[in-house]
Protein backbone atom coordinates (compact mmCIF):
# COMPACT_ATOMS: atom_id res chain seq x y z
CA UNK A 1 -31.64 -66.60 -119.32
CA UNK A 2 -31.63 -67.99 -115.78
CA UNK A 3 -35.05 -69.54 -116.35
CA UNK A 4 -33.83 -71.29 -119.50
CA UNK A 5 -30.75 -72.62 -117.71
CA UNK A 6 -32.89 -73.86 -114.80
CA UNK A 7 -35.33 -75.51 -117.20
CA UNK A 8 -32.53 -77.27 -119.12
CA UNK A 9 -30.94 -78.52 -115.89
CA UNK A 10 -34.29 -79.77 -114.62
CA UNK A 11 -34.99 -81.64 -117.86
CA UNK A 12 -31.57 -83.28 -117.90
CA UNK A 13 -31.68 -84.24 -114.24
CA UNK A 14 -35.21 -85.60 -114.54
CA UNK A 15 -33.79 -88.27 -116.86
CA UNK A 16 -30.98 -89.29 -114.53
CA UNK A 17 -30.92 -91.60 -111.55
CA UNK A 18 -28.79 -92.22 -108.49
CA UNK A 19 -29.55 -95.26 -106.34
CA UNK A 20 -28.95 -95.42 -102.63
CA UNK A 21 -27.45 -98.53 -101.09
CA UNK A 22 -24.47 -100.75 -101.76
CA UNK A 23 -24.03 -101.77 -105.36
CA UNK A 24 -21.13 -103.00 -107.40
CA UNK A 25 -20.57 -101.37 -110.79
CA UNK A 26 -22.10 -104.37 -112.59
CA UNK A 27 -25.09 -104.60 -110.22
CA UNK A 28 -25.79 -100.91 -110.67
CA UNK A 29 -25.70 -101.19 -114.47
CA UNK A 30 -27.92 -104.26 -114.41
CA UNK A 31 -30.46 -102.58 -112.10
CA UNK A 32 -30.62 -99.28 -113.99
CA UNK A 33 -30.49 -100.74 -117.51
CA UNK A 34 -33.53 -102.86 -116.63
CA UNK A 35 -35.28 -99.52 -116.02
CA UNK A 36 -34.25 -98.03 -119.36
CA UNK A 37 -30.97 -96.25 -118.67
CA UNK A 38 -28.18 -96.45 -121.25
CA UNK A 39 -25.44 -94.21 -119.81
CA UNK A 40 -23.51 -94.98 -116.61
CA UNK A 41 -20.78 -93.32 -114.58
CA UNK A 42 -18.71 -94.06 -111.51
CA UNK A 43 -17.19 -91.22 -109.50
CA UNK A 44 -14.52 -91.62 -106.84
CA UNK A 45 -13.42 -89.24 -104.08
CA UNK A 46 -9.84 -88.95 -102.76
CA UNK A 47 -10.92 -90.84 -99.63
CA UNK A 48 -12.17 -93.79 -101.72
CA UNK A 49 -15.89 -92.97 -101.61
CA UNK A 50 -17.53 -94.32 -104.79
CA UNK A 51 -20.88 -93.32 -106.23
CA UNK A 52 -22.70 -94.26 -109.41
CA UNK A 53 -25.03 -92.32 -111.66
CA UNK A 54 -27.06 -93.22 -114.72
CA UNK A 55 -29.11 -91.51 -117.38
CA UNK A 56 -31.43 -92.50 -120.17
CA UNK A 57 -30.40 -89.58 -122.39
CA UNK A 58 -26.72 -88.58 -121.98
CA UNK A 59 -23.34 -89.52 -120.60
CA UNK A 60 -23.05 -85.98 -119.25
CA UNK A 61 -26.19 -86.52 -117.15
CA UNK A 62 -24.83 -89.77 -115.69
CA UNK A 63 -21.45 -88.16 -114.97
CA UNK A 64 -23.08 -85.16 -113.29
CA UNK A 65 -25.23 -87.31 -111.03
CA UNK A 66 -22.35 -89.59 -110.04
CA UNK A 67 -19.97 -86.72 -109.19
CA UNK A 68 -22.65 -84.76 -107.34
CA UNK A 69 -23.68 -87.75 -105.24
CA UNK A 70 -20.05 -88.64 -104.54
CA UNK A 71 -19.21 -85.07 -103.47
CA UNK A 72 -22.27 -84.88 -101.22
CA UNK A 73 -21.31 -88.15 -99.50
CA UNK A 74 -17.60 -87.50 -99.15
CA UNK A 75 -17.40 -83.72 -98.84
CA UNK A 76 -14.59 -83.84 -101.41
CA UNK A 77 -14.26 -83.11 -105.11
CA UNK A 78 -14.79 -86.36 -106.98
CA UNK A 79 -13.68 -87.43 -110.43
CA UNK A 80 -15.20 -89.79 -112.96
CA UNK A 81 -13.31 -93.08 -112.82
CA UNK A 82 -15.43 -95.24 -115.11
CA UNK A 83 -18.15 -94.84 -117.74
CA UNK A 84 -20.18 -97.18 -119.88
CA UNK A 85 -22.76 -96.74 -122.62
CA UNK A 86 -25.08 -99.56 -123.60
CA UNK A 87 -26.43 -99.86 -127.15
CA UNK A 88 -30.04 -98.86 -127.58
CA UNK A 89 -32.24 -101.74 -128.65
CA UNK A 90 -33.98 -101.27 -131.94
CA UNK A 91 -31.34 -98.94 -133.34
CA UNK A 92 -31.58 -99.67 -137.05
CA UNK A 93 -29.06 -97.09 -138.22
CA UNK A 94 -26.34 -99.70 -138.55
CA UNK A 95 -28.37 -101.70 -141.06
CA UNK A 96 -28.38 -99.06 -143.79
């Protein structure tokens, strides 16, 4: 059971990204969407520390990465303050 949980976490986190450096929300989305990510999250700590996370497969993955990175940088519990999902190109489901 532990192995399965570890494997699932590894697979989810392998599809997520956190960038180092100073980015605005829009710059972060532009940078990561150019690399194929569709899901974005912003996490904020009580002291004002802000971190972003993105994922190419789930909003949960983006949220997890943003809150983890924020907590590591601030030493505080962070909360998600903003999310965004971009449409996938080539999604033909809406045509039918």
